[in-house]
Amino acid sequence: MESKENKHLNRKSYFKIPTSRRDEGRQLGFDYRDQLMSRSLSSFMFGDKKRDDMIAKLNDLFVYMIDSVKNIKKTFNFAIKRNSRNIN
């Protein structure tokens, strides 16, 4: 009779072990994606509806630019997936 706990069937793949090691001590820092412009600009710039909408669009633009620059970093680091956002 077989045991219900077949440890060899539940073992992590050798390819996933380095990934889990990277994930355990991940220091991602501050998540800037929603607050980039509000943390960068003076509070004097906020309060007007038109200006707030424009700053929100600029926030999306700057986050896109920063993420596209991170693709360069991911290109030369083969251990990180191309669509990963878990990189500083």
N, C-alpha and C. Protein backbone atom coordinates (compact mmCIF):
# COMPACT_ATOMS: atom_id res chain seq x y z
N MET A 1 0.82 -1.19 0.00
CA MET A 1 0.00 0.00 0.00
C MET A 1 0.86 1.25 0.00
N GLU A 2 0.41 2.23 -0.75
CA GLU A 2 1.16 3.48 -0.82
C GLU A 2 0.78 4.40 0.31
N SER A 3 1.74 5.16 0.74
CA SER A 3 1.50 6.16 1.78
C SER A 3 0.76 7.35 1.16
N LYS A 4 -0.07 8.00 1.96
CA LYS A 4 -0.81 9.16 1.44
C LYS A 4 0.12 10.36 1.24
N GLU A 5 1.21 10.37 1.96
CA GLU A 5 2.16 11.47 1.82
C GLU A 5 3.34 11.03 0.97
N ASN A 6 3.21 11.22 -0.29
CA ASN A 6 4.31 10.94 -1.20
C ASN A 6 5.15 12.21 -1.32
N LYS A 7 6.18 12.30 -0.50
CA LYS A 7 6.97 13.53 -0.46
C LYS A 7 7.67 13.81 -1.76
N HIS A 8 8.00 12.78 -2.48
CA HIS A 8 8.67 13.01 -3.75
C HIS A 8 7.72 13.63 -4.78
N LEU A 9 6.43 13.50 -4.59
CA LEU A 9 5.47 14.12 -5.51
C LEU A 9 5.17 15.57 -5.14
N ASN A 10 5.39 15.94 -3.89
CA ASN A 10 5.10 17.29 -3.43
C ASN A 10 6.34 18.17 -3.37
N ARG A 11 7.46 17.63 -3.76
CA ARG A 11 8.71 18.35 -3.70
C ARG A 11 8.72 19.48 -4.73
N LYS A 12 9.34 20.61 -4.35
CA LYS A 12 9.45 21.73 -5.29
C LYS A 12 10.39 21.37 -6.42
N SER A 13 10.11 21.94 -7.56
CA SER A 13 10.98 21.74 -8.70
C SER A 13 12.31 22.44 -8.45
N TYR A 14 13.36 21.92 -9.02
CA TYR A 14 14.67 22.55 -8.87
C TYR A 14 14.69 23.94 -9.50
N PHE A 15 13.83 24.19 -10.45
CA PHE A 15 13.77 25.49 -11.07
C PHE A 15 13.04 26.51 -10.20
N LYS A 16 12.18 26.04 -9.31
CA LYS A 16 11.42 26.96 -8.45
C LYS A 16 12.14 27.27 -7.15
N ILE A 17 13.11 26.50 -6.76
CA ILE A 17 13.82 26.75 -5.50
C ILE A 17 14.55 28.08 -5.52
N PRO A 18 15.32 28.44 -6.56
CA PRO A 18 15.96 29.76 -6.54
C PRO A 18 14.95 30.89 -6.55
N THR A 19 13.82 30.69 -7.21
CA THR A 19 12.78 31.73 -7.23
C THR A 19 12.23 31.95 -5.83
N SER A 20 11.97 30.88 -5.09
CA SER A 20 11.44 31.05 -3.74
C SER A 20 12.48 31.64 -2.82
N ARG A 21 13.74 31.36 -3.04
CA ARG A 21 14.79 31.98 -2.22
C ARG A 21 14.85 33.47 -2.46
N ARG A 22 14.67 33.89 -3.69
CA ARG A 22 14.66 35.33 -3.98
C ARG A 22 13.46 35.99 -3.34
N ASP A 23 12.32 35.32 -3.31
CA ASP A 23 11.10 35.92 -2.81
C ASP A 23 11.09 36.07 -1.29
N GLU A 24 11.81 35.22 -0.58
CA GLU A 24 11.76 35.26 0.87
C GLU A 24 12.30 36.57 1.44
N GLY A 25 13.42 37.04 0.93
CA GLY A 25 14.04 38.24 1.48
C GLY A 25 13.86 39.45 0.60
N ARG A 26 12.78 39.50 -0.11
CA ARG A 26 12.59 40.58 -1.06
C ARG A 26 12.38 41.91 -0.34
N GLN A 27 13.17 42.88 -0.69
CA GLN A 27 13.03 44.23 -0.16
C GLN A 27 12.59 45.13 -1.31
N LEU A 28 11.30 45.24 -1.48
CA LEU A 28 10.80 45.99 -2.63
C LEU A 28 10.72 47.49 -2.36
N GLY A 29 10.72 47.87 -1.11
CA GLY A 29 10.65 49.30 -0.80
C GLY A 29 9.24 49.83 -0.91
N PHE A 30 9.14 51.12 -1.12
CA PHE A 30 7.87 51.83 -1.16
C PHE A 30 7.18 51.62 -2.50
N ASP A 31 5.87 51.35 -2.49
CA ASP A 31 5.10 51.22 -3.72
C ASP A 31 4.67 52.61 -4.17
N TYR A 32 5.36 53.15 -5.16
CA TYR A 32 5.17 54.53 -5.59
C TYR A 32 4.08 54.68 -6.64
N ARG A 33 3.53 53.61 -7.15
CA ARG A 33 2.69 53.67 -8.35
C ARG A 33 1.45 54.56 -8.20
N ASP A 34 0.88 54.64 -7.02
CA ASP A 34 -0.31 55.47 -6.84
C ASP A 34 0.02 56.85 -6.31
N GLN A 35 1.19 57.03 -5.73
CA GLN A 35 1.49 58.26 -5.01
C GLN A 35 2.73 58.97 -5.52
N LEU A 36 3.16 58.70 -6.72
CA LEU A 36 4.39 59.28 -7.22
C LEU A 36 4.32 60.81 -7.27
N MET A 37 3.30 61.34 -7.89
CA MET A 37 3.21 62.81 -8.03
C MET A 37 2.81 63.48 -6.72
N SER A 38 1.97 62.85 -5.93
CA SER A 38 1.57 63.48 -4.68
C SER A 38 2.72 63.57 -3.69
N ARG A 39 3.68 62.64 -3.80
CA ARG A 39 4.86 62.69 -2.94
C ARG A 39 5.96 63.56 -3.54
N SER A 40 5.88 63.83 -4.83
CA SER A 40 6.94 64.60 -5.50
C SER A 40 6.62 66.09 -5.56
N LEU A 41 5.36 66.42 -5.72
CA LEU A 41 4.97 67.82 -5.87
C LEU A 41 4.54 68.42 -4.54
N SER A 42 4.53 69.73 -4.50
CA SER A 42 4.07 70.45 -3.32
C SER A 42 2.55 70.28 -3.16
N SER A 43 2.08 70.32 -1.93
CA SER A 43 0.64 70.20 -1.70
C SER A 43 -0.11 71.42 -2.23
N PHE A 44 0.60 72.50 -2.52
CA PHE A 44 0.01 73.69 -3.10
C PHE A 44 -0.54 73.42 -4.50
N MET A 45 0.02 72.43 -5.18
CA MET A 45 -0.40 72.10 -6.55
C MET A 45 -1.74 71.38 -6.60
N PHE A 46 -2.17 70.83 -5.49
CA PHE A 46 -3.40 70.05 -5.45
C PHE A 46 -4.55 70.88 -4.90
N GLY A 47 -5.77 70.49 -5.22
CA GLY A 47 -6.95 71.18 -4.70
C GLY A 47 -7.88 71.65 -5.80
N ASP A 48 -7.36 71.89 -6.98
CA ASP A 48 -8.17 72.31 -8.12
C ASP A 48 -8.51 71.07 -8.94
N LYS A 49 -9.77 70.92 -9.35
CA LYS A 49 -10.23 69.70 -10.03
C LYS A 49 -9.50 69.48 -11.35
N LYS A 50 -9.35 70.53 -12.15
CA LYS A 50 -8.66 70.40 -13.43
C LYS A 50 -7.20 69.98 -13.23
N ARG A 51 -6.57 70.63 -12.30
CA ARG A 51 -5.16 70.34 -12.04
C ARG A 51 -4.98 68.93 -11.48
N ASP A 52 -5.91 68.51 -10.62
CA ASP A 52 -5.83 67.15 -10.07
C ASP A 52 -5.95 66.09 -11.16
N ASP A 53 -6.84 66.31 -12.12
CA ASP A 53 -6.98 65.36 -13.23
C ASP A 53 -5.72 65.32 -14.09
N MET A 54 -5.14 66.49 -14.34
CA MET A 54 -3.93 66.55 -15.13
C MET A 54 -2.76 65.86 -14.40
N ILE A 55 -2.65 66.07 -13.10
CA ILE A 55 -1.59 65.45 -12.31
C ILE A 55 -1.78 63.94 -12.26
N ALA A 56 -3.02 63.47 -12.21
CA ALA A 56 -3.28 62.03 -12.22
C ALA A 56 -2.82 61.41 -13.54
N LYS A 57 -3.06 62.11 -14.66
CA LYS A 57 -2.58 61.61 -15.96
C LYS A 57 -1.06 61.62 -16.01
N LEU A 58 -0.43 62.67 -15.46
CA LEU A 58 1.03 62.72 -15.42
C LEU A 58 1.59 61.61 -14.54
N ASN A 59 0.90 61.31 -13.46
CA ASN A 59 1.33 60.22 -12.58
C ASN A 59 1.37 58.90 -13.36
N ASP A 60 0.34 58.62 -14.12
CA ASP A 60 0.31 57.40 -14.93
C ASP A 60 1.44 57.39 -15.96
N LEU A 61 1.71 58.55 -16.55
CA LEU A 61 2.77 58.66 -17.55
C LEU A 61 4.14 58.39 -16.92
N PHE A 62 4.41 58.99 -15.77
CA PHE A 62 5.71 58.81 -15.13
C PHE A 62 5.90 57.38 -14.62
N VAL A 63 4.84 56.78 -14.12
CA VAL A 63 4.93 55.38 -13.68
C VAL A 63 5.22 54.48 -14.88
N TYR A 64 4.60 54.75 -16.01
CA TYR A 64 4.87 53.99 -17.23
C TYR A 64 6.33 54.15 -17.65
N MET A 65 6.85 55.37 -17.57
CA MET A 65 8.23 55.62 -17.97
C MET A 65 9.21 54.90 -17.04
N ILE A 66 8.94 54.91 -15.76
CA ILE A 66 9.82 54.23 -14.80
C ILE A 66 9.78 52.72 -15.04
N ASP A 67 8.60 52.18 -15.26
CA ASP A 67 8.48 50.73 -15.51
C ASP A 67 9.15 50.33 -16.82
N SER A 68 9.12 51.20 -17.82
CA SER A 68 9.78 50.86 -19.09
C SER A 68 11.30 50.90 -18.94
N VAL A 69 11.81 51.76 -18.07
CA VAL A 69 13.25 51.77 -17.80
C VAL A 69 13.64 50.51 -17.04
N LYS A 70 12.76 50.01 -16.19
CA LYS A 70 13.05 48.78 -15.46
C LYS A 70 13.15 47.57 -16.39
N ASN A 71 12.54 47.64 -17.57
CA ASN A 71 12.67 46.55 -18.53
C ASN A 71 14.11 46.35 -18.97
N ILE A 72 14.88 47.43 -18.99
CA ILE A 72 16.30 47.31 -19.32
C ILE A 72 17.00 46.48 -18.26
N LYS A 73 16.66 46.73 -17.01
CA LYS A 73 17.26 45.97 -15.91
C LYS A 73 16.85 44.50 -15.99
N LYS A 74 15.60 44.24 -16.36
CA LYS A 74 15.12 42.86 -16.46
C LYS A 74 15.71 42.13 -17.66
N THR A 75 16.11 42.87 -18.68
CA THR A 75 16.69 42.24 -19.86
C THR A 75 17.99 41.53 -19.53
N PHE A 76 18.79 42.12 -18.67
CA PHE A 76 20.10 41.57 -18.37
C PHE A 76 20.10 40.68 -17.13
N ASN A 77 18.97 40.56 -16.45
CA ASN A 77 18.86 39.67 -15.29
C ASN A 77 17.96 38.51 -15.69
N PHE A 78 18.57 37.38 -16.01
CA PHE A 78 17.82 36.25 -16.55
C PHE A 78 16.95 35.55 -15.50
N ALA A 79 17.16 35.84 -14.21
CA ALA A 79 16.41 35.16 -13.16
C ALA A 79 15.04 35.80 -12.93
N ILE A 80 14.78 36.94 -13.53
CA ILE A 80 13.53 37.66 -13.34
C ILE A 80 12.69 37.52 -14.60
N LYS A 81 11.42 37.21 -14.42
CA LYS A 81 10.53 37.08 -15.58
C LYS A 81 10.31 38.44 -16.22
N ARG A 82 10.03 38.44 -17.51
CA ARG A 82 9.88 39.70 -18.26
C ARG A 82 8.69 40.53 -17.77
N ASN A 83 7.63 39.89 -17.34
CA ASN A 83 6.44 40.62 -16.92
C ASN A 83 6.38 40.84 -15.42
N SER A 84 7.47 40.63 -14.71
CA SER A 84 7.48 40.79 -13.27
C SER A 84 7.55 42.27 -12.90
N ARG A 85 6.78 42.66 -11.90
CA ARG A 85 6.85 44.03 -11.40
C ARG A 85 7.57 44.08 -10.06
N ASN A 86 8.15 42.97 -9.65
CA ASN A 86 8.79 42.88 -8.35
C ASN A 86 10.28 43.16 -8.45
N ILE A 87 10.61 44.34 -8.90
CA ILE A 87 12.01 44.74 -9.02
C ILE A 87 12.08 46.23 -8.73
N ASN A 88 13.14 46.61 -8.04
CA ASN A 88 13.33 48.05 -7.77
C ASN A 88 14.14 48.69 -8.84
